[in-house]
Amino acid sequence: MAIEIFSRKEQKYLITHRQYEEIVQRIGPEMRNDKYGIDGKYSVTSLYFDNAEKGIYFETKNKLKYRQKLRLRVYDDANLNSTAFFEVKQKHKKVVNKRRMLLPLREAYRYLEEDGQSGLDTYETSNSQVMKEIDYFRKFYRLCPEMVVSYSRHALHGIHDSELRITFDFDLRCRKEDLHIENGPYGEHFIDPDLIVLEVKVDHSVPLWLARILQELQCEQRSASKFCTSMELLSGNALPRAGYCEPKELEKPHTGGIENGSDHEFVYI
């Protein structure tokens, strides 16, 4: 069963296809392909939510120390009977928390269409408590479906460190005219198709062996928000500026490393 509540740290990089190929080759002894998809490769299609004031967008854009998003997600080819993941993604400082539940996509659509008026206990979900939290969050922020973000993903897990996860996202697209995620991944590219978003996901620090590989290959750590970049492309000049302010405290880019659980070395790049 998929983990429904967890927290971790994430670091993002924007890399080229050449860097991707070299990274995959060099991390081979330490990583294995994700068990899902074919050789760890699958597509991700997500419906994101926001309100009329674009409050979620500005929380993320302004890099608030505490910010959150709501999304409904499916993997690979999907239909109304496919399993969907409805989740709240929260970020406090540099720690990411996810609270999610599984439900048939048709049930997620029914909840949204009825605005939960049938009663939350009438929906077929894997976690009734998370369902209540999603309902409260959606209504408190007055969230509505905003856009679809999709991409192809290559995911790997640590062989010796089960908590280490690395994902490479390709062909990143977004759309606003068709919000049915069962229609699959398509839309406008919001990141250059020649570039790949690399995410390193850990409980504590990035292992030193991985930090050294990323440094040697000159991988550039970037704050690449799929949500904000897509919103800006799709909204254009219609996006209000009133809610934006320059962040007072930017997160320092770094790659941390721990080797054999004892060497606490941080490598800045």
C-alpha atoms as a PDB file:
ATOM      1  CA  MET A   1       0.000   0.000   0.000  1.00  0.00           C
ATOM      2  CA  ALA A   2       1.246   3.520  -0.804  1.00  0.00           C
ATOM      3  CA  ILE A   3       2.515   5.545   2.138  1.00  0.00           C
ATOM      4  CA  GLU A   4      -0.137   8.129   2.967  1.00  0.00           C
ATOM      5  CA  ILE A   5       1.590  10.389   5.509  1.00  0.00           C
ATOM      6  CA  PHE A   6       5.317  11.140   5.410  1.00  0.00           C
ATOM      7  CA  SER A   7       7.894  13.920   5.560  1.00  0.00           C
ATOM      8  CA  ARG A   8      11.267  14.428   3.910  1.00  0.00           C
ATOM      9  CA  LYS A   9      13.675  17.002   2.485  1.00  0.00           C
ATOM     10  CA  GLU A  10      13.912  17.724  -1.231  1.00  0.00           C
ATOM     11  CA  GLN A  11      16.605  19.364  -3.333  1.00  0.00           C
ATOM     12  CA  LYS A  12      15.998  20.293  -6.971  1.00  0.00           C
ATOM     13  CA  TYR A  13      18.392  20.659  -9.889  1.00  0.00           C
ATOM     14  CA  LEU A  14      17.956  21.660 -13.520  1.00  0.00           C
ATOM     15  CA  ILE A  15      20.178  19.432 -15.661  1.00  0.00           C
ATOM     16  CA  THR A  16      20.833  18.493 -19.284  1.00  0.00           C
ATOM     17  CA  HIS A  17      20.253  15.126 -20.932  1.00  0.00           C
ATOM     18  CA  ARG A  18      24.012  14.530 -20.955  1.00  0.00           C
ATOM     19  CA  GLN A  19      24.201  15.123 -17.204  1.00  0.00           C
ATOM     20  CA  TYR A  20      21.218  12.803 -16.709  1.00  0.00           C
ATOM     21  CA  GLU A  21      22.905   9.961 -18.590  1.00  0.00           C
ATOM     22  CA  GLU A  22      26.134  10.400 -16.641  1.00  0.00           C
ATOM     23  CA  ILE A  23      24.351  10.568 -13.277  1.00  0.00           C
ATOM     24  CA  VAL A  24      22.343   7.397 -13.969  1.00  0.00           C
ATOM     25  CA  GLN A  25      25.505   5.560 -14.954  1.00  0.00           C
ATOM     26  CA  ARG A  26      27.486   6.687 -11.913  1.00  0.00           C
ATOM     27  CA  ILE A  27      24.771   6.086  -9.304  1.00  0.00           C
ATOM     28  CA  GLY A  28      24.079   2.574 -10.638  1.00  0.00           C
ATOM     29  CA  PRO A  29      25.898   0.711  -7.825  1.00  0.00           C
ATOM     30  CA  GLU A  30      23.896   2.589  -5.160  1.00  0.00           C
ATOM     31  CA  MET A  31      20.434   2.930  -6.718  1.00  0.00           C
ATOM     32  CA  ARG A  32      17.739   0.695  -8.236  1.00  0.00           C
ATOM     33  CA  ASN A  33      14.842   1.559 -10.519  1.00  0.00           C
ATOM     34  CA  ASP A  34      11.485   2.172  -8.868  1.00  0.00           C
ATOM     35  CA  LYS A  35       9.276  -0.930  -8.895  1.00  0.00           C
ATOM     36  CA  TYR A  36       6.480   0.998 -10.618  1.00  0.00           C
ATOM     37  CA  GLY A  37       6.329   1.595 -14.349  1.00  0.00           C
ATOM     38  CA  ILE A  38       8.766   0.062 -16.828  1.00  0.00           C
ATOM     39  CA  ASP A  39      12.347   0.255 -15.537  1.00  0.00           C
ATOM     40  CA  GLY A  40      11.186   2.903 -13.091  1.00  0.00           C
ATOM     41  CA  LYS A  41       9.697   5.094 -15.831  1.00  0.00           C
ATOM     42  CA  TYR A  42       6.081   6.307 -15.897  1.00  0.00           C
ATOM     43  CA  SER A  43       3.989   9.404 -16.553  1.00  0.00           C
ATOM     44  CA  VAL A  44       2.531  11.724 -13.902  1.00  0.00           C
ATOM     45  CA  THR A  45      -0.560  13.874 -14.489  1.00  0.00           C
ATOM     46  CA  SER A  46      -1.741  16.217 -11.714  1.00  0.00           C
ATOM     47  CA  LEU A  47      -4.663  18.588 -11.248  1.00  0.00           C
ATOM     48  CA  TYR A  48      -3.638  21.588  -9.116  1.00  0.00           C
ATOM     49  CA  PHE A  49      -5.970  23.899  -7.202  1.00  0.00           C
ATOM     50  CA  ASP A  50      -5.954  27.612  -6.384  1.00  0.00           C
ATOM     51  CA  ASN A  51      -8.399  30.407  -5.606  1.00  0.00           C
ATOM     52  CA  ALA A  52      -9.412  33.559  -7.472  1.00  0.00           C
ATOM     53  CA  GLU A  53      -6.734  35.595  -5.677  1.00  0.00           C
ATOM     54  CA  LYS A  54      -4.064  33.010  -6.590  1.00  0.00           C
ATOM     55  CA  GLY A  55      -3.271  32.640  -2.892  1.00  0.00           C
ATOM     56  CA  ILE A  56      -1.501  29.285  -3.252  1.00  0.00           C
ATOM     57  CA  TYR A  57       0.629  30.637  -6.095  1.00  0.00           C
ATOM     58  CA  PHE A  58       1.749  33.633  -4.039  1.00  0.00           C
ATOM     59  CA  GLU A  59       2.513  31.510  -0.962  1.00  0.00           C
ATOM     60  CA  THR A  60       4.911  29.522  -3.132  1.00  0.00           C
ATOM     61  CA  LYS A  61       6.276  32.458  -5.134  1.00  0.00           C
ATOM     62  CA  ASN A  62       6.985  34.457  -1.981  1.00  0.00           C
ATOM     63  CA  LYS A  63       8.729  31.426  -0.438  1.00  0.00           C
ATOM     64  CA  LEU A  64       6.759  31.564   2.785  1.00  0.00           C
ATOM     65  CA  LYS A  65       8.366  29.413   5.455  1.00  0.00           C
ATOM     66  CA  TYR A  66       5.092  27.493   5.680  1.00  0.00           C
ATOM     67  CA  ARG A  67       3.221  26.866   2.441  1.00  0.00           C
ATOM     68  CA  GLN A  68       0.986  24.181   1.022  1.00  0.00           C
ATOM     69  CA  LYS A  69      -0.696  22.942  -2.147  1.00  0.00           C
ATOM     70  CA  LEU A  70      -3.586  20.682  -3.045  1.00  0.00           C
ATOM     71  CA  ARG A  71      -3.414  18.304  -5.995  1.00  0.00           C
ATOM     72  CA  LEU A  72      -5.150  15.287  -7.492  1.00  0.00           C
ATOM     73  CA  ARG A  73      -2.792  12.905  -9.316  1.00  0.00           C
ATOM     74  CA  VAL A  74      -2.840   9.799 -11.508  1.00  0.00           C
ATOM     75  CA  TYR A  75      -0.036   7.742 -13.011  1.00  0.00           C
ATOM     76  CA  ASP A  76       0.342   6.425 -16.576  1.00  0.00           C
ATOM     77  CA  ASP A  77      -2.806   5.709 -18.579  1.00  0.00           C
ATOM     78  CA  ALA A  78      -5.859   6.284 -16.408  1.00  0.00           C
ATOM     79  CA  ASN A  79      -9.651   6.176 -16.580  1.00  0.00           C
ATOM     80  CA  LEU A  80     -12.441   7.047 -14.182  1.00  0.00           C
ATOM     81  CA  ASN A  81     -12.002   3.758 -12.327  1.00  0.00           C
ATOM     82  CA  SER A  82      -8.240   4.194 -11.891  1.00  0.00           C
ATOM     83  CA  THR A  83      -6.713   4.889  -8.498  1.00  0.00           C
ATOM     84  CA  ALA A  84      -6.042   8.579  -7.915  1.00  0.00           C
ATOM     85  CA  PHE A  85      -3.957  10.245  -5.210  1.00  0.00           C
ATOM     86  CA  PHE A  86      -5.548  13.267  -3.521  1.00  0.00           C
ATOM     87  CA  GLU A  87      -2.950  15.026  -1.393  1.00  0.00           C
ATOM     88  CA  VAL A  88      -1.968  18.089   0.545  1.00  0.00           C
ATOM     89  CA  LYS A  89       1.713  18.920   0.077  1.00  0.00           C
ATOM     90  CA  GLN A  90       3.074  21.115   2.867  1.00  0.00           C
ATOM     91  CA  LYS A  91       6.510  22.687   3.162  1.00  0.00           C
ATOM     92  CA  HIS A  92       7.849  24.120   6.402  1.00  0.00           C
ATOM     93  CA  LYS A  93      11.277  25.665   5.913  1.00  0.00           C
ATOM     94  CA  LYS A  94      13.028  22.872   4.002  1.00  0.00           C
ATOM     95  CA  VAL A  95      10.969  19.902   5.164  1.00  0.00           C
ATOM     96  CA  VAL A  96       8.216  18.568   2.887  1.00  0.00           C
ATOM     97  CA  ASN A  97       5.201  16.846   4.447  1.00  0.00           C
ATOM     98  CA  LYS A  98       2.608  14.981   2.423  1.00  0.00           C
ATOM     99  CA  ARG A  99      -0.798  13.840   3.581  1.00  0.00           C
ATOM    100  CA  ARG A 100      -2.609  11.875   0.922  1.00  0.00           C
ATOM    101  CA  MET A 101      -5.338   9.361   0.349  1.00  0.00           C
ATOM    102  CA  LEU A 102      -6.190   6.950  -2.431  1.00  0.00           C
ATOM    103  CA  LEU A 103      -9.582   6.845  -4.111  1.00  0.00           C
ATOM    104  CA  PRO A 104     -11.082   6.026  -7.526  1.00  0.00           C
ATOM    105  CA  LEU A 105     -10.802   9.015  -9.840  1.00  0.00           C
ATOM    106  CA  ARG A 106     -14.590   9.007 -10.343  1.00  0.00           C
ATOM    107  CA  GLU A 107     -15.020   9.437  -6.565  1.00  0.00           C
ATOM    108  CA  ALA A 108     -12.648  12.404  -6.529  1.00  0.00           C
ATOM    109  CA  TYR A 109     -14.641  14.040  -9.320  1.00  0.00           C
ATOM    110  CA  ARG A 110     -17.911  13.283  -7.506  1.00  0.00           C
ATOM    111  CA  TYR A 111     -16.586  14.944  -4.352  1.00  0.00           C
ATOM    112  CA  LEU A 112     -15.573  18.048  -6.308  1.00  0.00           C
ATOM    113  CA  GLU A 113     -18.856  18.249  -8.223  1.00  0.00           C
ATOM    114  CA  GLU A 114     -20.956  17.818  -5.078  1.00  0.00           C
ATOM    115  CA  ASP A 115     -18.651  20.017  -2.980  1.00  0.00           C
ATOM    116  CA  GLY A 116     -18.737  17.252  -0.376  1.00  0.00           C
ATOM    117  CA  GLN A 117     -22.430  17.869   0.296  1.00  0.00           C
ATOM    118  CA  SER A 118     -23.235  14.133   0.342  1.00  0.00           C
ATOM    119  CA  GLY A 119     -21.169  13.796   3.513  1.00  0.00           C
ATOM    120  CA  LEU A 120     -17.477  12.918   3.636  1.00  0.00           C
ATOM    121  CA  ASP A 121     -18.197   9.420   4.883  1.00  0.00           C
ATOM    122  CA  THR A 122     -20.036   8.591   1.649  1.00  0.00           C
ATOM    123  CA  TYR A 123     -16.879   8.728  -0.493  1.00  0.00           C
ATOM    124  CA  GLU A 124     -14.765   5.653  -1.124  1.00  0.00           C
ATOM    125  CA  THR A 125     -11.336   6.618   0.243  1.00  0.00           C
ATOM    126  CA  SER A 126      -8.355   4.954   1.906  1.00  0.00           C
ATOM    127  CA  ASN A 127      -8.063   7.501   4.730  1.00  0.00           C
ATOM    128  CA  SER A 128     -11.094   9.309   6.155  1.00  0.00           C
ATOM    129  CA  GLN A 129      -8.963  11.622   8.311  1.00  0.00           C
ATOM    130  CA  VAL A 130      -6.985  12.910   5.322  1.00  0.00           C
ATOM    131  CA  MET A 131     -10.284  13.326   3.488  1.00  0.00           C
ATOM    132  CA  LYS A 132     -11.474  15.667   6.251  1.00  0.00           C
ATOM    133  CA  GLU A 133      -8.211  17.645   6.099  1.00  0.00           C
ATOM    134  CA  ILE A 134      -8.448  18.025   2.317  1.00  0.00           C
ATOM    135  CA  ASP A 135     -12.051  19.170   2.577  1.00  0.00           C
ATOM    136  CA  TYR A 136     -11.209  21.735   5.262  1.00  0.00           C
ATOM    137  CA  PHE A 137      -8.179  23.048   3.348  1.00  0.00           C
ATOM    138  CA  ARG A 138     -10.099  23.314   0.075  1.00  0.00           C
ATOM    139  CA  LYS A 139     -13.020  25.171   1.650  1.00  0.00           C
ATOM    140  CA  PHE A 140     -10.919  27.428   3.895  1.00  0.00           C
ATOM    141  CA  TYR A 141      -8.896  28.657   0.886  1.00  0.00           C
ATOM    142  CA  ARG A 142     -11.912  28.456  -1.489  1.00  0.00           C
ATOM    143  CA  LEU A 143      -9.879  26.294  -3.861  1.00  0.00           C
ATOM    144  CA  CYS A 144     -11.030  25.299  -7.319  1.00  0.00           C
ATOM    145  CA  PRO A 145      -9.354  23.250 -10.072  1.00  0.00           C
ATOM    146  CA  GLU A 146      -6.783  25.534 -11.723  1.00  0.00           C
ATOM    147  CA  MET A 147      -4.566  23.649 -14.181  1.00  0.00           C
ATOM    148  CA  VAL A 148      -3.060  20.296 -15.146  1.00  0.00           C
ATOM    149  CA  VAL A 149       0.684  19.648 -14.915  1.00  0.00           C
ATOM    150  CA  SER A 150       2.204  16.522 -16.452  1.00  0.00           C
ATOM    151  CA  TYR A 151       5.573  14.971 -17.188  1.00  0.00           C
ATOM    152  CA  SER A 152       7.445  11.713 -17.711  1.00  0.00           C
ATOM    153  CA  ARG A 153       9.419  10.470 -14.709  1.00  0.00           C
ATOM    154  CA  HIS A 154      12.339   8.129 -14.096  1.00  0.00           C
ATOM    155  CA  ALA A 155      12.419   7.213 -10.389  1.00  0.00           C
ATOM    156  CA  LEU A 156      15.112   5.376  -8.424  1.00  0.00           C
ATOM    157  CA  HIS A 157      15.498   4.209  -4.811  1.00  0.00           C
ATOM    158  CA  GLY A 158      18.603   3.627  -2.724  1.00  0.00           C
ATOM    159  CA  ILE A 159      19.836   0.031  -2.522  1.00  0.00           C
ATOM    160  CA  HIS A 160      21.508   0.465   0.855  1.00  0.00           C
ATOM    161  CA  ASP A 161      19.522   3.517   1.980  1.00  0.00           C
ATOM    162  CA  SER A 162      15.811   2.807   1.538  1.00  0.00           C
ATOM    163  CA  GLU A 163      14.911   6.416   2.400  1.00  0.00           C
ATOM    164  CA  LEU A 164      16.920   7.881  -0.513  1.00  0.00           C
ATOM    165  CA  ARG A 165      14.879   8.597  -3.637  1.00  0.00           C
ATOM    166  CA  ILE A 166      15.934  10.289  -6.878  1.00  0.00           C
ATOM    167  CA  THR A 167      13.560  11.364  -9.640  1.00  0.00           C
ATOM    168  CA  PHE A 168      14.216  12.783 -13.113  1.00  0.00           C
ATOM    169  CA  ASP A 169      11.292  14.618 -14.754  1.00  0.00           C
ATOM    170  CA  PHE A 170      11.196  15.097 -18.544  1.00  0.00           C
ATOM    171  CA  ASP A 171       8.840  16.696 -21.041  1.00  0.00           C
ATOM    172  CA  LEU A 172       7.159  18.986 -18.505  1.00  0.00           C
ATOM    173  CA  ARG A 173       3.841  20.325 -19.789  1.00  0.00           C
ATOM    174  CA  CYS A 174       0.824  22.248 -18.508  1.00  0.00           C
ATOM    175  CA  ARG A 175      -2.685  23.075 -19.684  1.00  0.00           C
ATOM    176  CA  LYS A 176      -5.762  24.953 -18.553  1.00  0.00           C
ATOM    177  CA  GLU A 177      -8.377  24.177 -21.190  1.00  0.00           C
ATOM    178  CA  ASP A 178      -8.878  20.487 -20.293  1.00  0.00           C
ATOM    179  CA  LEU A 179      -8.824  19.703 -16.571  1.00  0.00           C
ATOM    180  CA  HIS A 180      -9.642  15.999 -16.905  1.00  0.00           C
ATOM    181  CA  ILE A 181      -6.460  14.209 -15.843  1.00  0.00           C
ATOM    182  CA  GLU A 182      -7.642  10.896 -17.297  1.00  0.00           C
ATOM    183  CA  ASN A 183      -7.031  12.490 -20.709  1.00  0.00           C
ATOM    184  CA  GLY A 184      -3.327  12.049 -20.107  1.00  0.00           C
ATOM    185  CA  PRO A 185      -0.154  14.133 -20.287  1.00  0.00           C
ATOM    186  CA  TYR A 186      -0.209  16.870 -22.892  1.00  0.00           C
ATOM    187  CA  GLY A 187      -0.070  20.661 -23.075  1.00  0.00           C
ATOM    188  CA  GLU A 188       2.465  23.465 -23.450  1.00  0.00           C
ATOM    189  CA  HIS A 189       6.062  22.958 -22.342  1.00  0.00           C
ATOM    190  CA  PHE A 190       6.766  25.131 -19.307  1.00  0.00           C
ATOM    191  CA  ILE A 191      10.421  24.103 -19.067  1.00  0.00           C
ATOM    192  CA  ASP A 192      12.767  23.768 -22.036  1.00  0.00           C
ATOM    193  CA  PRO A 193      12.288  20.187 -23.327  1.00  0.00           C
ATOM    194  CA  ASP A 194      16.091  19.884 -23.530  1.00  0.00           C
ATOM    195  CA  LEU A 195      16.262  20.226 -19.726  1.00  0.00           C
ATOM    196  CA  ILE A 196      15.362  17.791 -16.940  1.00  0.00           C
ATOM    197  CA  VAL A 197      14.256  18.459 -13.364  1.00  0.00           C
ATOM    198  CA  LEU A 198      16.242  16.308 -10.926  1.00  0.00           C
ATOM    199  CA  GLU A 199      14.908  15.927  -7.386  1.00  0.00           C
ATOM    200  CA  VAL A 200      16.849  14.312  -4.543  1.00  0.00           C
ATOM    201  CA  LYS A 201      14.570  13.259  -1.687  1.00  0.00           C
ATOM    202  CA  VAL A 202      15.989  12.277   1.705  1.00  0.00           C
ATOM    203  CA  ASP A 203      15.020  12.061   5.360  1.00  0.00           C
ATOM    204  CA  HIS A 204      18.070  13.988   6.544  1.00  0.00           C
ATOM    205  CA  SER A 205      21.062  14.866   4.331  1.00  0.00           C
ATOM    206  CA  VAL A 206      22.123  13.915   0.820  1.00  0.00           C
ATOM    207  CA  PRO A 207      24.728  11.094   1.011  1.00  0.00           C
ATOM    208  CA  LEU A 208      28.252  12.331   0.480  1.00  0.00           C
ATOM    209  CA  TRP A 209      28.881  10.008  -2.482  1.00  0.00           C
ATOM    210  CA  LEU A 210      25.890  11.532  -4.294  1.00  0.00           C
ATOM    211  CA  ALA A 211      26.839  15.094  -3.340  1.00  0.00           C
ATOM    212  CA  ARG A 212      30.278  14.537  -4.880  1.00  0.00           C
ATOM    213  CA  ILE A 213      28.816  13.178  -8.116  1.00  0.00           C
ATOM    214  CA  LEU A 214      26.481  16.164  -8.476  1.00  0.00           C
ATOM    215  CA  GLN A 215      29.336  18.549  -7.759  1.00  0.00           C
ATOM    216  CA  GLU A 216      31.719  16.872 -10.199  1.00  0.00           C
ATOM    217  CA  LEU A 217      29.096  16.989 -12.952  1.00  0.00           C
ATOM    218  CA  GLN A 218      28.417  20.671 -12.168  1.00  0.00           C
ATOM    219  CA  CYS A 219      24.713  20.137 -11.511  1.00  0.00           C
ATOM    220  CA  GLU A 220      23.070  23.447 -10.693  1.00  0.00           C
ATOM    221  CA  GLN A 221      20.693  23.485  -7.758  1.00  0.00           C
ATOM    222  CA  ARG A 222      17.585  25.474  -8.656  1.00  0.00           C
ATOM    223  CA  SER A 223      14.342  26.379  -6.965  1.00  0.00           C
ATOM    224  CA  ALA A 224      12.151  25.061  -9.785  1.00  0.00           C
ATOM    225  CA  SER A 225       8.487  25.172  -8.826  1.00  0.00           C
ATOM    226  CA  LYS A 226       6.433  23.290 -11.403  1.00  0.00           C
ATOM    227  CA  PHE A 227       3.328  24.944  -9.973  1.00  0.00           C
ATOM    228  CA  CYS A 228       4.548  28.544 -10.240  1.00  0.00           C
ATOM    229  CA  THR A 229       6.227  28.157 -13.624  1.00  0.00           C
ATOM    230  CA  SER A 230       3.091  26.593 -15.102  1.00  0.00           C
ATOM    231  CA  MET A 231       0.843  29.239 -13.561  1.00  0.00           C
ATOM    232  CA  GLU A 232       2.955  32.048 -15.009  1.00  0.00           C
ATOM    233  CA  LEU A 233       2.976  30.516 -18.495  1.00  0.00           C
ATOM    234  CA  LEU A 234      -0.768  29.882 -18.561  1.00  0.00           C
ATOM    235  CA  SER A 235      -1.864  33.133 -16.891  1.00  0.00           C
ATOM    236  CA  GLY A 236       0.524  35.550 -18.571  1.00  0.00           C
ATOM    237  CA  ASN A 237      -0.367  39.200 -17.973  1.00  0.00           C
ATOM    238  CA  ALA A 238      -3.611  38.165 -16.267  1.00  0.00           C
ATOM    239  CA  LEU A 239      -1.691  37.073 -13.170  1.00  0.00           C
ATOM    240  CA  PRO A 240      -2.049  39.762 -10.462  1.00  0.00           C
ATOM    241  CA  ARG A 241       1.137  41.309  -9.079  1.00  0.00           C
ATOM    242  CA  ALA A 242      -0.451  42.619  -5.907  1.00  0.00           C
ATOM    243  CA  GLY A 243       0.279  39.476  -3.914  1.00  0.00           C
ATOM    244  CA  TYR A 244       3.972  39.276  -4.783  1.00  0.00           C
ATOM    245  CA  CYS A 245       6.807  40.518  -2.629  1.00  0.00           C
ATOM    246  CA  GLU A 246      10.511  39.730  -2.662  1.00  0.00           C
ATOM    247  CA  PRO A 247      11.357  36.932  -0.210  1.00  0.00           C
ATOM    248  CA  LYS A 248      13.015  38.276   2.918  1.00  0.00           C
ATOM    249  CA  GLU A 249      14.895  35.074   3.569  1.00  0.00           C
ATOM    250  CA  LEU A 250      16.000  32.917   0.664  1.00  0.00           C
ATOM    251  CA  GLU A 251      16.819  29.281   1.220  1.00  0.00           C
ATOM    252  CA  LYS A 252      20.556  28.716   0.852  1.00  0.00           C
ATOM    253  CA  PRO A 253      21.340  26.264  -1.955  1.00  0.00           C
ATOM    254  CA  HIS A 254      23.510  23.392  -0.771  1.00  0.00           C
ATOM    255  CA  THR A 255      24.106  19.714  -1.090  1.00  0.00           C
ATOM    256  CA  GLY A 256      24.625  17.999   2.236  1.00  0.00           C
ATOM    257  CA  GLY A 257      26.383  14.711   2.681  1.00  0.00           C
ATOM    258  CA  ILE A 258      26.646  11.897   5.194  1.00  0.00           C
ATOM    259  CA  GLU A 259      29.008   9.035   4.522  1.00  0.00           C
ATOM    260  CA  ASN A 260      28.599   5.774   6.458  1.00  0.00           C
ATOM    261  CA  GLY A 261      26.339   7.598   8.894  1.00  0.00           C
ATOM    262  CA  SER A 262      29.213   9.366  10.614  1.00  0.00           C
ATOM    263  CA  ASP A 263      30.805  11.935   8.294  1.00  0.00           C
ATOM    264  CA  HIS A 264      28.592  15.034   8.527  1.00  0.00           C
ATOM    265  CA  GLU A 265      30.041  17.098   5.723  1.00  0.00           C
ATOM    266  CA  PHE A 266      28.179  19.759   3.784  1.00  0.00           C
ATOM    267  CA  VAL A 267      29.370  20.578   0.279  1.00  0.00           C
ATOM    268  CA  TYR A 268      28.192  23.929  -1.082  1.00  0.00           C
ATOM    269  CA  ILE A 269      27.832  24.340  -4.812  1.00  0.00           C
END
